[in-house]
Amino acid sequence: MTREGATVGHSIRILFTFFIAVMGMSAIALAQDGPPSSETAEASLKDSPRHGEYVEIQLPGSDTTLYTWVVYPERPDKAPIILVIHEIFGMTDWANSVADAFAKEGFIALAPDMISGKDKTKPATATVRALTNDEIVERLNAVRDYGLGLPAANGKSASIGFCWGGSSSFKYAVAQPDLNAAVVCYGSSPSKEDVAKIKAPVLGLYGENDARVNTTIPNATEGMTADGQSFEHEIYDGAGHGFFRAQSGQDGANGVAAKKGWTKALAFLRTHTESSN
């Protein structure tokens, strides 16, 4: 090979290496375009520059303490609060990392351990499932009151939940007339009679392959018909239950749904919770 040919070949290899590096960085950026998955949650929390801490919130008239993960955004003005309601599995790194992701987007995020004060020797799934509607509302009200009392809060509040937490976010919208918005991620809808009581706008995000939950969507579409009521929902092609957490599932459809759903949820929440609205 001539010297000139070798030089050209070397230049091509350098350009190819640079192209691969750029593509790799682009892939990382795309992978982070949304909340963490269960696989990336621990690293996401470790690398977060935001201030997160556990606080103790006393339930009124009770000796029960609600342990709640609170993460603050980095912004110069006051922020809306969002209650992040965990899945049937209870508090996990993933639930905490989603709260951190909302703080990154400008919200004061509060993620309560909904089974605080309960028997932790039992499986979390059984303990979470045993919570009554009254207990769910009581606990979320305590966390909401705490959040609204923070000096950095702008007076607006919303809830978002996943799986069991999605159903709980819907139930909370029924019970709390002063909620500004609720997001339901693959959670079952309450009865038509209950959703008819909702004052806050509701957004539902669902996976196509989740008939157990999706068969309850008509309860919301047919129940929230009064003037002023608003129920939006999206169903993502090929996605299954739990697509925000299990983003590698369903042959990539879960990851696509997570990115689309995250973008939709942020736009919806900002519309209804920023001070100027």
Protein backbone atom coordinates (compact mmCIF):
# COMPACT_ATOMS: atom_id res chain seq x y z
CA MET A 1 0.00 0.00 0.00
CA THR A 2 1.28 3.47 -0.84
CA ARG A 3 1.92 6.04 1.85
CA GLU A 4 -0.99 8.11 0.53
CA GLY A 5 -3.29 5.08 0.65
CA ALA A 6 -2.28 4.31 4.20
CA THR A 7 -2.96 7.92 5.20
CA VAL A 8 -6.41 7.82 3.62
CA GLY A 9 -7.17 4.52 5.30
CA HIS A 10 -6.10 5.90 8.67
CA SER A 11 -8.32 8.97 8.19
CA ILE A 12 -11.29 6.79 7.31
CA ARG A 13 -10.75 4.71 10.47
CA ILE A 14 -10.65 7.89 12.57
CA LEU A 15 -13.87 9.16 10.99
CA PHE A 16 -15.52 5.78 11.50
CA THR A 17 -14.48 5.72 15.17
CA PHE A 18 -15.81 9.26 15.63
CA PHE A 19 -19.11 8.27 13.96
CA ILE A 20 -19.51 5.26 16.26
CA ALA A 21 -18.78 7.44 19.32
CA VAL A 22 -21.34 10.04 18.25
CA MET A 23 -23.93 7.37 17.58
CA GLY A 24 -23.22 5.86 20.99
CA MET A 25 -23.71 9.20 22.71
CA SER A 26 -26.94 9.72 20.77
CA ALA A 27 -28.19 6.33 21.89
CA ILE A 28 -27.45 7.20 25.50
CA ALA A 29 -29.30 10.51 25.12
CA LEU A 30 -32.29 8.73 23.62
CA ALA A 31 -32.22 6.11 26.40
CA GLN A 32 -32.43 8.90 28.95
CA ASP A 33 -35.31 10.64 27.19
CA GLY A 34 -37.83 9.65 29.87
CA PRO A 35 -37.92 8.28 33.38
CA PRO A 36 -35.41 5.61 34.45
CA SER A 37 -36.27 1.96 34.01
CA SER A 38 -35.88 -0.63 36.75
CA GLU A 39 -32.44 -1.42 35.32
CA THR A 40 -31.19 2.20 35.41
CA ALA A 41 -32.93 3.44 38.58
CA GLU A 42 -30.11 2.83 41.04
CA ALA A 43 -27.47 4.52 38.90
CA SER A 44 -29.84 7.40 38.13
CA LEU A 45 -30.32 8.11 41.82
CA LYS A 46 -26.62 7.84 42.54
CA ASP A 47 -25.73 10.32 39.80
CA SER A 48 -28.54 12.82 40.48
CA PRO A 49 -27.39 16.34 41.41
CA ARG A 50 -30.77 17.17 43.00
CA HIS A 51 -31.53 17.31 46.70
CA GLY A 52 -33.57 14.31 47.78
CA GLU A 53 -34.36 13.29 51.33
CA TYR A 54 -36.71 11.16 53.38
CA VAL A 55 -39.06 13.14 55.59
CA GLU A 56 -41.42 11.95 58.32
CA ILE A 57 -45.04 13.03 57.94
CA GLN A 58 -47.37 12.41 60.83
CA LEU A 59 -50.86 11.20 60.02
CA PRO A 60 -53.34 13.53 61.76
CA GLY A 61 -54.86 11.97 64.88
CA SER A 62 -52.53 8.97 64.64
CA ASP A 63 -49.14 7.79 65.80
CA THR A 64 -48.35 6.58 62.27
CA THR A 65 -45.42 8.22 60.49
CA LEU A 66 -45.40 8.28 56.70
CA TYR A 67 -41.88 8.03 55.35
CA THR A 68 -41.80 10.09 52.18
CA TRP A 69 -39.04 10.65 49.64
CA VAL A 70 -38.99 14.33 48.63
CA VAL A 71 -36.92 15.68 45.75
CA TYR A 72 -36.59 19.37 44.94
CA PRO A 73 -36.16 20.88 41.48
CA GLU A 74 -33.48 23.40 40.62
CA ARG A 75 -35.46 26.49 39.58
CA PRO A 76 -35.61 30.11 40.78
CA ASP A 77 -39.38 30.29 41.25
CA LYS A 78 -41.94 28.29 43.20
CA ALA A 79 -42.90 24.88 41.85
CA PRO A 80 -46.00 22.66 41.75
CA ILE A 81 -45.97 19.53 43.86
CA ILE A 82 -46.61 16.06 42.49
CA LEU A 83 -47.45 12.96 44.51
CA VAL A 84 -45.70 9.92 43.02
CA ILE A 85 -47.58 6.76 44.03
CA HIS A 86 -45.62 3.53 43.88
CA GLU A 87 -46.61 0.20 42.36
CA ILE A 88 -47.95 -2.87 44.13
CA PHE A 89 -44.34 -3.71 45.02
CA GLY A 90 -44.08 -0.85 47.51
CA MET A 91 -41.21 1.62 47.74
CA THR A 92 -38.29 0.79 45.46
CA ASP A 93 -35.31 2.55 43.92
CA TRP A 94 -37.42 2.81 40.79
CA ALA A 95 -40.19 4.76 42.57
CA ASN A 96 -37.59 7.10 44.06
CA SER A 97 -35.90 7.55 40.69
CA VAL A 98 -39.19 8.53 39.04
CA ALA A 99 -39.66 11.18 41.73
CA ASP A 100 -36.16 12.44 40.96
CA ALA A 101 -37.01 12.53 37.24
CA PHE A 102 -40.01 14.74 37.97
CA ALA A 103 -37.83 17.06 40.05
CA LYS A 104 -35.47 17.28 37.09
CA GLU A 105 -38.47 18.55 35.11
CA GLY A 106 -39.31 21.28 37.63
CA PHE A 107 -41.69 19.65 40.11
CA ILE A 108 -41.39 19.16 43.85
CA ALA A 109 -41.86 15.39 43.90
CA LEU A 110 -43.13 13.53 46.95
CA ALA A 111 -43.12 9.72 46.90
CA PRO A 112 -44.70 8.29 50.07
CA ASP A 113 -44.16 4.80 51.37
CA MET A 114 -47.85 3.98 51.41
CA ILE A 115 -47.42 1.06 53.81
CA SER A 116 -45.51 3.03 56.44
CA GLY A 117 -46.47 1.76 59.88
CA LYS A 118 -47.71 -1.55 58.53
CA ASP A 119 -46.29 -5.00 59.23
CA LYS A 120 -43.17 -5.15 57.05
CA THR A 121 -42.63 -8.86 57.74
CA LYS A 122 -45.36 -9.66 55.24
CA PRO A 123 -44.82 -9.42 51.46
CA ALA A 124 -45.16 -5.80 50.32
CA THR A 125 -47.62 -6.76 47.61
CA ALA A 126 -50.05 -8.23 50.13
CA THR A 127 -49.73 -5.25 52.48
CA VAL A 128 -50.21 -2.72 49.69
CA ARG A 129 -53.22 -4.59 48.35
CA ALA A 130 -54.80 -4.63 51.83
CA LEU A 131 -54.89 -0.81 52.14
CA THR A 132 -58.45 0.47 52.18
CA ASN A 133 -59.63 3.37 50.04
CA ASP A 134 -59.97 5.49 53.18
CA GLU A 135 -56.37 4.74 54.16
CA ILE A 136 -55.11 5.59 50.68
CA VAL A 137 -56.90 8.93 50.65
CA GLU A 138 -55.90 9.76 54.24
CA ARG A 139 -52.25 9.11 53.52
CA LEU A 140 -52.18 11.01 50.23
CA ASN A 141 -53.97 13.95 51.86
CA ALA A 142 -51.30 14.09 54.57
CA VAL A 143 -48.53 14.11 51.98
CA ARG A 144 -50.32 16.69 49.84
CA ASP A 145 -50.82 18.98 52.85
CA TYR A 146 -47.14 18.66 53.72
CA GLY A 147 -46.10 19.46 50.16
CA LEU A 148 -48.38 22.46 49.81
CA GLY A 149 -46.93 23.79 53.08
CA LEU A 150 -43.39 23.88 51.71
CA PRO A 151 -42.13 27.44 51.13
CA ALA A 152 -41.00 26.52 47.61
CA ALA A 153 -44.45 25.20 46.56
CA ASN A 154 -46.67 27.29 44.24
CA GLY A 155 -50.00 26.05 45.62
CA LYS A 156 -50.77 23.62 42.76
CA SER A 157 -50.85 19.85 43.25
CA ALA A 158 -51.10 16.73 41.10
CA SER A 159 -50.84 12.98 41.47
CA ILE A 160 -49.38 10.26 39.30
CA GLY A 161 -49.35 6.55 39.98
CA PHE A 162 -48.24 3.33 38.36
CA CYS A 163 -50.06 -0.02 38.40
CA TRP A 164 -51.68 -0.13 41.88
CA GLY A 165 -50.53 3.47 42.23
CA GLY A 166 -52.31 4.33 38.99
CA SER A 167 -55.58 3.06 40.40
CA SER A 168 -54.84 4.99 43.58
CA SER A 169 -54.21 8.20 41.62
CA PHE A 170 -57.64 7.76 40.02
CA LYS A 171 -59.27 7.09 43.41
CA TYR A 172 -57.55 10.14 44.86
CA ALA A 173 -58.96 12.34 42.09
CA VAL A 174 -62.41 11.10 43.12
CA ALA A 175 -61.84 11.98 46.78
CA GLN A 176 -59.80 15.22 46.56
CA PRO A 177 -61.73 18.01 44.80
CA ASP A 178 -58.85 20.49 45.10
CA LEU A 179 -56.39 18.36 43.12
CA ASN A 180 -55.27 20.21 39.99
CA ALA A 181 -54.48 17.14 37.85
CA ALA A 182 -54.15 13.37 38.02
CA VAL A 183 -52.21 10.97 35.82
CA VAL A 184 -53.07 7.28 35.77
CA CYS A 185 -50.44 4.91 34.39
CA TYR A 186 -51.98 1.50 33.60
CA GLY A 187 -54.26 1.63 36.64
CA SER A 188 -57.87 0.46 36.72
CA SER A 189 -60.65 3.05 36.59
CA PRO A 190 -63.15 3.45 39.45
CA SER A 191 -66.84 2.95 38.79
CA LYS A 192 -68.76 5.28 36.48
CA GLU A 193 -70.55 6.67 39.52
CA ASP A 194 -67.28 7.52 41.25
CA VAL A 195 -65.52 9.10 38.27
CA ALA A 196 -68.54 11.33 37.78
CA LYS A 197 -67.46 13.07 41.03
CA ILE A 198 -63.99 14.00 39.76
CA LYS A 199 -63.15 17.70 39.44
CA ALA A 200 -59.53 17.48 38.27
CA PRO A 201 -58.55 16.75 34.67
CA VAL A 202 -57.30 13.15 34.32
CA LEU A 203 -54.81 11.64 31.88
CA GLY A 204 -54.66 7.88 31.41
CA LEU A 205 -51.66 6.10 29.84
CA TYR A 206 -52.08 2.45 28.87
CA GLY A 207 -50.38 -0.39 27.05
CA GLU A 208 -52.25 -2.18 24.28
CA ASN A 209 -51.51 -5.63 25.75
CA ASP A 210 -53.13 -4.97 29.11
CA ALA A 211 -56.78 -6.02 28.82
CA ARG A 212 -57.19 -6.46 32.57
CA VAL A 213 -56.79 -2.71 33.01
CA ASN A 214 -58.00 -1.49 29.64
CA THR A 215 -61.43 -3.06 29.99
CA THR A 216 -62.08 -0.50 32.77
CA ILE A 217 -61.31 2.53 30.57
CA PRO A 218 -64.99 2.87 29.52
CA ASN A 219 -65.85 3.55 33.16
CA ALA A 220 -63.90 6.80 32.79
CA THR A 221 -64.87 7.70 29.23
CA GLU A 222 -68.55 7.13 29.97
CA GLY A 223 -68.53 8.44 33.54
CA MET A 224 -66.63 11.73 33.08
CA THR A 225 -69.18 13.42 30.84
CA ALA A 226 -70.31 16.39 32.94
CA ASP A 227 -69.50 19.93 31.87
CA GLY A 228 -65.97 20.79 32.90
CA GLN A 229 -64.80 17.20 33.29
CA SER A 230 -61.81 16.10 31.25
CA PHE A 231 -60.45 12.60 30.65
CA GLU A 232 -57.73 12.11 28.06
CA HIS A 233 -56.14 8.77 27.40
CA GLU A 234 -53.62 7.12 25.13
CA ILE A 235 -53.07 3.42 24.43
CA TYR A 236 -49.60 2.54 23.13
CA ASP A 237 -49.25 -0.09 20.42
CA GLY A 238 -47.66 -3.35 21.50
CA ALA A 239 -46.86 -2.18 25.02
CA GLY A 240 -47.70 -4.23 28.09
CA HIS A 241 -48.47 -3.51 31.71
CA GLY A 242 -45.73 -1.67 33.61
CA PHE A 243 -44.06 -0.21 30.53
CA PHE A 244 -42.48 2.71 32.40
CA ARG A 245 -40.57 0.35 34.68
CA ALA A 246 -39.99 -2.59 32.31
CA GLN A 247 -38.83 -0.54 29.33
CA SER A 248 -36.98 -3.41 27.63
CA GLY A 249 -40.12 -5.56 27.44
CA GLN A 250 -42.53 -6.37 24.62
CA ASP A 251 -39.79 -6.36 21.94
CA GLY A 252 -39.05 -2.67 22.49
CA ALA A 253 -42.67 -1.49 22.47
CA ASN A 254 -42.49 -0.73 26.20
CA GLY A 255 -39.55 1.61 25.69
CA VAL A 256 -41.34 3.49 22.93
CA ALA A 257 -44.45 3.77 25.12
CA ALA A 258 -42.39 5.03 28.07
CA LYS A 259 -40.90 7.88 26.03
CA LYS A 260 -44.22 8.87 24.46
CA GLY A 261 -46.07 8.59 27.77
CA TRP A 262 -43.45 10.63 29.63
CA THR A 263 -43.67 13.45 27.10
CA LYS A 264 -47.47 13.42 27.26
CA ALA A 265 -47.55 13.34 31.06
CA LEU A 266 -45.13 16.26 31.43
CA ALA A 267 -47.07 18.44 28.98
CA PHE A 268 -50.35 17.61 30.70
CA LEU A 269 -49.02 18.29 34.20
CA ARG A 270 -47.39 21.57 33.22
CA THR A 271 -50.58 22.75 31.59
CA HIS A 272 -52.55 22.27 34.80
CA THR A 273 -50.07 23.06 37.58
CA GLU A 274 -47.91 26.02 36.66
CA SER A 275 -48.82 29.18 38.60
CA SER A 276 -49.82 31.17 35.53
CA ASN A 277 -52.57 28.67 34.66
